[in-house]
Amino acid sequence: MDDKTEIELQAAAFRRLQKHLMEDRTDVQNIDLMNLAGFCRNCLSRWYQEAAQERGLEMGKEEAREVFYGMTMAEWKANYQTDATAEKQAEFAKAFEENVTAKTD
């Protein structure tokens, strides 16, 4: 497989993952994704932002989230986010520390 085709397939897989998380499974909460998999929609939008910046494109966190979510974070939260239990919040703090904070230090 040539490099161009591989990149196109990777991009198609990313777009399908994005659609799955943003349209097909809006019921799955970011906190649950982070607690189970070590990443969430916000991580994906941050990786998008980092890829843009690596290519010299200025993009802030909120702009990257809006690109990934297809709406503002306020709209996403109002439409889809539910309250998390104290137990889930504690799990999240640990998962965030292990998967996000540790990698950006």
Protein backbone atom coordinates (compact mmCIF):
# COMPACT_ATOMS: atom_id res chain seq x y z
CA MET A 1 0.00 0.00 0.00
CA ASP A 2 1.35 3.42 -0.89
CA ASP A 3 1.70 6.20 1.72
CA LYS A 4 -1.09 8.33 0.25
CA THR A 5 -3.59 5.48 0.41
CA GLU A 6 -2.55 4.63 3.96
CA ILE A 7 -3.05 8.25 5.06
CA GLU A 8 -6.45 8.35 3.36
CA LEU A 9 -7.53 5.15 5.12
CA GLN A 10 -6.30 6.46 8.48
CA ALA A 11 -8.22 9.70 7.93
CA ALA A 12 -11.35 7.75 6.99
CA ALA A 13 -11.05 5.64 10.15
CA PHE A 14 -10.65 8.79 12.25
CA ARG A 15 -13.72 10.37 10.63
CA ARG A 16 -15.70 7.19 11.36
CA LEU A 17 -14.58 7.22 15.00
CA GLN A 18 -15.57 10.87 15.25
CA LYS A 19 -19.01 10.15 13.76
CA HIS A 20 -19.47 7.20 16.10
CA LEU A 21 -18.69 9.32 19.18
CA MET A 22 -20.48 12.47 18.04
CA GLU A 23 -23.60 11.04 16.39
CA ASP A 24 -24.06 7.33 17.09
CA ARG A 25 -23.07 7.19 20.78
CA THR A 26 -23.74 10.58 22.31
CA ASP A 27 -24.95 8.64 25.35
CA VAL A 28 -21.38 7.60 26.18
CA GLN A 29 -19.96 10.16 28.55
CA ASN A 30 -16.42 11.54 28.26
CA ILE A 31 -15.75 10.58 31.86
CA ASP A 32 -16.62 6.96 31.07
CA LEU A 33 -14.36 6.96 28.01
CA MET A 34 -11.47 8.37 30.03
CA ASN A 35 -12.02 5.99 32.92
CA LEU A 36 -12.18 2.92 30.66
CA ALA A 37 -9.89 3.77 27.76
CA GLY A 38 -7.61 6.56 28.96
CA PHE A 39 -8.86 9.05 26.36
CA CYS A 40 -12.06 10.91 25.51
CA ARG A 41 -13.51 13.30 22.96
CA ASN A 42 -11.51 16.15 24.50
CA CYS A 43 -8.30 14.16 24.03
CA LEU A 44 -9.16 13.59 20.37
CA SER A 45 -9.79 17.29 19.89
CA ARG A 46 -6.49 18.09 21.65
CA TRP A 47 -4.63 15.66 19.37
CA TYR A 48 -6.27 17.39 16.40
CA GLN A 49 -5.11 20.75 17.77
CA GLU A 50 -1.58 19.44 18.31
CA ALA A 51 -1.45 18.07 14.73
CA ALA A 52 -2.55 21.46 13.40
CA GLN A 53 0.08 23.27 15.47
CA GLU A 54 2.80 20.84 14.31
CA ARG A 55 1.96 22.00 10.78
CA GLY A 56 2.21 25.67 11.73
CA LEU A 57 -1.55 26.26 11.99
CA GLU A 58 -2.68 28.32 14.96
CA MET A 59 -5.56 26.62 16.75
CA GLY A 60 -6.76 27.08 20.31
CA LYS A 61 -8.34 24.47 22.53
CA GLU A 62 -11.88 25.76 22.12
CA GLU A 63 -11.54 26.00 18.35
CA ALA A 64 -10.24 22.42 18.15
CA ARG A 65 -13.09 21.20 20.33
CA GLU A 66 -15.63 22.97 18.16
CA VAL A 67 -14.12 21.38 15.04
CA PHE A 68 -14.22 17.91 16.61
CA TYR A 69 -17.58 18.23 18.37
CA GLY A 70 -19.26 20.13 15.55
CA MET A 71 -20.60 22.53 18.18
CA THR A 72 -19.35 24.49 21.16
CA MET A 73 -18.56 22.69 24.40
CA ALA A 74 -21.43 24.57 26.04
CA GLU A 75 -23.83 23.17 23.44
CA TRP A 76 -22.44 19.64 23.85
CA LYS A 77 -22.73 19.79 27.62
CA ALA A 78 -26.27 21.16 27.49
CA ASN A 79 -27.40 18.50 25.03
CA TYR A 80 -25.50 15.38 26.11
CA GLN A 81 -23.48 15.61 29.32
CA THR A 82 -24.92 14.11 32.47
CA ASP A 83 -23.80 14.49 36.07
CA ALA A 84 -21.04 12.16 37.19
CA THR A 85 -21.04 10.36 40.51
CA ALA A 86 -18.33 11.07 43.06
CA GLU A 87 -16.93 7.60 42.34
CA LYS A 88 -16.64 8.33 38.60
CA GLN A 89 -15.04 11.70 39.34
CA ALA A 90 -12.43 10.00 41.54
CA GLU A 91 -11.72 7.42 38.83
CA PHE A 92 -11.44 10.26 36.31
CA ALA A 93 -8.88 12.14 38.42
CA LYS A 94 -6.70 9.01 38.44
CA ALA A 95 -7.18 8.30 34.72
CA PHE A 96 -6.47 11.94 33.82
CA GLU A 97 -3.30 11.92 35.90
CA GLU A 98 -2.10 8.67 34.30
CA ASN A 99 -3.06 9.43 30.71
CA VAL A 100 -2.98 13.18 30.25
CA THR A 101 -0.99 14.95 32.96
CA ALA A 102 1.84 12.42 32.96
CA LYS A 103 2.24 12.77 29.19
CA THR A 104 2.34 16.59 29.18
CA ASP A 105 4.81 17.08 32.03
